[in-house]
C-alpha atoms as a PDB file:
ATOM      1  CA  MET A   1     -34.170   5.756  13.174  1.00  0.00           C
ATOM      2  CA  ALA A   2     -35.228   9.261  14.190  1.00  0.00           C
ATOM      3  CA  ILE A   3     -35.951  11.849  11.531  1.00  0.00           C
ATOM      4  CA  ILE A   4     -33.178  14.398  11.190  1.00  0.00           C
ATOM      5  CA  ARG A   5     -34.666  17.836  10.648  1.00  0.00           C
ATOM      6  CA  SER A   6     -31.658  19.950  11.555  1.00  0.00           C
ATOM      7  CA  PHE A   7     -27.910  19.644  11.962  1.00  0.00           C
ATOM      8  CA  ARG A   8     -28.626  19.828  15.701  1.00  0.00           C
ATOM      9  CA  ASP A   9     -30.298  16.400  15.445  1.00  0.00           C
ATOM     10  CA  LEU A  10     -27.065  14.776  14.197  1.00  0.00           C
ATOM     11  CA  ARG A  11     -25.255  12.758  16.864  1.00  0.00           C
ATOM     12  CA  ALA A  12     -21.914  13.851  15.420  1.00  0.00           C
ATOM     13  CA  TYR A  13     -22.879  17.507  15.911  1.00  0.00           C
ATOM     14  CA  GLN A  14     -24.202  16.872  19.424  1.00  0.00           C
ATOM     15  CA  GLN A  15     -21.080  15.025  20.533  1.00  0.00           C
ATOM     16  CA  ALA A  16     -18.741  17.550  18.878  1.00  0.00           C
ATOM     17  CA  ARG A  17     -20.574  20.377  20.642  1.00  0.00           C
ATOM     18  CA  SER A  18     -20.277  18.627  23.987  1.00  0.00           C
ATOM     19  CA  GLU A  19     -16.614  17.787  23.518  1.00  0.00           C
ATOM     20  CA  ALA A  20     -15.755  21.313  22.349  1.00  0.00           C
ATOM     21  CA  SER A  21     -17.223  22.520  25.637  1.00  0.00           C
ATOM     22  CA  ASN A  22     -15.149  19.957  27.535  1.00  0.00           C
ATOM     23  CA  VAL A  23     -12.008  21.099  25.708  1.00  0.00           C
ATOM     24  CA  PHE A  24     -12.811  24.711  26.604  1.00  0.00           C
ATOM     25  CA  GLU A  25     -13.136  23.810  30.289  1.00  0.00           C
ATOM     26  CA  ALA A  26      -9.924  21.771  30.318  1.00  0.00           C
ATOM     27  CA  THR A  27      -7.926  24.524  28.634  1.00  0.00           C
ATOM     28  CA  LYS A  28      -8.842  26.993  31.376  1.00  0.00           C
ATOM     29  CA  THR A  29      -6.098  25.331  33.419  1.00  0.00           C
ATOM     30  CA  PHE A  30      -3.400  25.652  30.723  1.00  0.00           C
ATOM     31  CA  PRO A  31      -0.593  28.121  31.467  1.00  0.00           C
ATOM     32  CA  LYS A  32      -1.091  31.719  30.364  1.00  0.00           C
ATOM     33  CA  GLU A  33       1.945  31.526  28.096  1.00  0.00           C
ATOM     34  CA  GLU A  34       0.034  28.977  25.998  1.00  0.00           C
ATOM     35  CA  LYS A  35      -2.922  31.321  25.385  1.00  0.00           C
ATOM     36  CA  PHE A  36      -1.986  32.351  21.852  1.00  0.00           C
ATOM     37  CA  SER A  37      -0.501  29.049  20.795  1.00  0.00           C
ATOM     38  CA  MET A  38      -1.979  25.859  22.173  1.00  0.00           C
ATOM     39  CA  THR A  39      -5.062  27.117  24.038  1.00  0.00           C
ATOM     40  CA  ASP A  40      -6.494  29.188  21.209  1.00  0.00           C
ATOM     41  CA  GLN A  41      -5.643  26.553  18.592  1.00  0.00           C
ATOM     42  CA  ILE A  42      -7.230  23.605  20.366  1.00  0.00           C
ATOM     43  CA  ARG A  43     -10.335  25.637  21.155  1.00  0.00           C
ATOM     44  CA  ARG A  44     -10.575  26.768  17.533  1.00  0.00           C
ATOM     45  CA  SER A  45     -10.129  23.293  16.041  1.00  0.00           C
ATOM     46  CA  SER A  46     -12.584  21.648  18.438  1.00  0.00           C
ATOM     47  CA  ARG A  47     -15.246  24.282  17.773  1.00  0.00           C
ATOM     48  CA  ALA A  48     -14.652  24.128  14.033  1.00  0.00           C
ATOM     49  CA  VAL A  49     -15.767  20.489  13.927  1.00  0.00           C
ATOM     50  CA  LYS A  50     -19.345  21.227  14.944  1.00  0.00           C
ATOM     51  CA  SER A  51     -19.446  24.343  12.773  1.00  0.00           C
ATOM     52  CA  MET A  52     -18.339  22.416   9.706  1.00  0.00           C
ATOM     53  CA  ILE A  53     -20.882  19.675  10.369  1.00  0.00           C
ATOM     54  CA  ALA A  54     -23.560  22.380  10.486  1.00  0.00           C
ATOM     55  CA  GLU A  55     -22.235  23.933   7.295  1.00  0.00           C
ATOM     56  CA  ALA A  56     -22.144  20.527   5.577  1.00  0.00           C
ATOM     57  CA  TRP A  57     -25.798  20.049   6.498  1.00  0.00           C
ATOM     58  CA  GLY A  58     -26.624  23.282   4.726  1.00  0.00           C
ATOM     59  CA  HIS A  59     -24.756  22.106   1.606  1.00  0.00           C
ATOM     60  CA  ARG A  60     -26.355  18.681   1.337  1.00  0.00           C
ATOM     61  CA  ARG A  61     -28.238  19.573  -1.844  1.00  0.00           C
ATOM     62  CA  TYR A  62     -24.792  19.245  -3.426  1.00  0.00           C
ATOM     63  CA  PRO A  63     -23.170  15.923  -2.481  1.00  0.00           C
ATOM     64  CA  ALA A  64     -19.633  17.025  -3.362  1.00  0.00           C
ATOM     65  CA  ALA A  65     -19.949  20.146  -1.180  1.00  0.00           C
ATOM     66  CA  PHE A  66     -21.462  18.069   1.638  1.00  0.00           C
ATOM     67  CA  VAL A  67     -18.568  15.608   1.533  1.00  0.00           C
ATOM     68  CA  SER A  68     -16.019  18.413   1.251  1.00  0.00           C
ATOM     69  CA  LYS A  69     -17.267  20.143   4.417  1.00  0.00           C
ATOM     70  CA  LEU A  70     -17.416  16.837   6.290  1.00  0.00           C
ATOM     71  CA  THR A  71     -13.861  16.091   5.162  1.00  0.00           C
ATOM     72  CA  ASP A  72     -12.823  19.460   6.595  1.00  0.00           C
ATOM     73  CA  ALA A  73     -14.647  18.603   9.842  1.00  0.00           C
ATOM     74  CA  LEU A  74     -12.774  15.299  10.026  1.00  0.00           C
ATOM     75  CA  GLY A  75      -9.502  17.149   9.530  1.00  0.00           C
ATOM     76  CA  GLU A  76     -10.336  19.519  12.379  1.00  0.00           C
ATOM     77  CA  ALA A  77     -11.219  16.574  14.636  1.00  0.00           C
ATOM     78  CA  ASN A  78      -7.820  15.059  13.858  1.00  0.00           C
ATOM     79  CA  GLU A  79      -6.133  18.398  14.504  1.00  0.00           C
ATOM     80  CA  THR A  80      -7.865  18.541  17.886  1.00  0.00           C
ATOM     81  CA  GLN A  81      -6.460  15.113  18.706  1.00  0.00           C
ATOM     82  CA  SER A  82      -2.994  16.328  17.742  1.00  0.00           C
ATOM     83  CA  TRP A  83      -3.298  19.347  20.064  1.00  0.00           C
ATOM     84  CA  LEU A  84      -4.496  17.009  22.821  1.00  0.00           C
ATOM     85  CA  ASP A  85      -1.325  14.962  22.282  1.00  0.00           C
ATOM     86  CA  ASP A  86       0.707  18.140  22.734  1.00  0.00           C
ATOM     87  CA  ALA A  87      -1.218  18.989  25.908  1.00  0.00           C
ATOM     88  CA  LEU A  88      -0.439  15.522  27.280  1.00  0.00           C
ATOM     89  CA  ASP A  89       3.228  15.818  26.322  1.00  0.00           C
ATOM     90  CA  CYS A  90       3.464  19.188  28.094  1.00  0.00           C
ATOM     91  CA  GLY A  91       1.795  17.807  31.223  1.00  0.00           C
ATOM     92  CA  TYR A  92      -1.334  19.960  30.891  1.00  0.00           C
ATOM     93  CA  LEU A  93      -3.581  16.884  30.741  1.00  0.00           C
ATOM     94  CA  SER A  94      -3.352  13.691  32.747  1.00  0.00           C
ATOM     95  CA  ILE A  95      -3.120  10.370  30.956  1.00  0.00           C
ATOM     96  CA  ALA A  96      -6.723   9.625  31.986  1.00  0.00           C
ATOM     97  CA  GLN A  97      -7.976  12.980  30.693  1.00  0.00           C
ATOM     98  CA  HIS A  98      -6.144  12.478  27.412  1.00  0.00           C
ATOM     99  CA  ARG A  99      -7.501   8.943  27.039  1.00  0.00           C
ATOM    100  CA  ASP A 100     -11.073  10.143  27.563  1.00  0.00           C
ATOM    101  CA  PHE A 101     -10.681  13.089  25.192  1.00  0.00           C
ATOM    102  CA  ASP A 102      -8.993  10.957  22.568  1.00  0.00           C
ATOM    103  CA  ALA A 103     -11.728   8.310  22.694  1.00  0.00           C
ATOM    104  CA  ALA A 104     -14.423  10.968  22.333  1.00  0.00           C
ATOM    105  CA  TRP A 105     -12.738  12.647  19.365  1.00  0.00           C
ATOM    106  CA  GLN A 106     -12.053   9.268  17.764  1.00  0.00           C
ATOM    107  CA  SER A 107     -15.771   8.510  18.057  1.00  0.00           C
ATOM    108  CA  ILE A 108     -16.672  11.870  16.520  1.00  0.00           C
ATOM    109  CA  GLY A 109     -14.262  11.205  13.667  1.00  0.00           C
ATOM    110  CA  GLY A 110     -15.870   7.814  13.114  1.00  0.00           C
ATOM    111  CA  MET A 111     -19.334   9.370  12.931  1.00  0.00           C
ATOM    112  CA  ILE A 112     -18.123  11.955  10.432  1.00  0.00           C
ATOM    113  CA  ALA A 113     -16.437   9.254   8.337  1.00  0.00           C
ATOM    114  CA  ASN A 114     -19.695   7.280   8.311  1.00  0.00           C
ATOM    115  CA  MET A 115     -21.588  10.373   7.189  1.00  0.00           C
ATOM    116  CA  ILE A 116     -19.113  10.749   4.332  1.00  0.00           C
ATOM    117  CA  LEU A 117     -19.609   7.115   3.333  1.00  0.00           C
ATOM    118  CA  LYS A 118     -23.394   7.545   3.449  1.00  0.00           C
ATOM    119  CA  ALA A 119     -23.460  11.001   1.887  1.00  0.00           C
ATOM    120  CA  ASP A 120     -26.088   9.994  -0.671  1.00  0.00           C
ATOM    121  CA  ASP A 121     -28.503   9.052   2.107  1.00  0.00           C
ATOM    122  CA  PHE A 122     -28.129  12.482   3.714  1.00  0.00           C
ATOM    123  CA  CYS A 123     -28.226  14.358   0.430  1.00  0.00           C
ATOM    124  CA  GLN A 124     -31.347  12.642  -0.937  1.00  0.00           C
ATOM    125  CA  SER A 125     -33.499  14.155   1.783  1.00  0.00           C
ATOM    126  CA  ALA A 126     -32.438  17.658   0.751  1.00  0.00           C
ATOM    127  CA  ARG A 127     -33.409  17.289  -2.901  1.00  0.00           C
END
């Protein structure tokens, strides 16, 4: 396994960053009337995931804080999936687009959940 020196080395961060960018691109096609409701919210929640992973990394000297931030990141990933459901229901995403997005965010959520389960492993290196 590769040595993790920074939050940027975490696969969960890398994938969340990539998918947040994909969400941003997809939402460029959403109707203007959705700007302050769906578009801004899905962009915010998708970007928050990577930010909270980075923040968790900075808190890993304190296992409870590390887990708390990762739990928040998992919540934001789930919120992103919920907004993607809304985008599908409104016809802003195709079924194929939604399927691909949903699979990616499910994978990110799984990585975050695994980090929570293995919090001690991550936190030991910070002590």
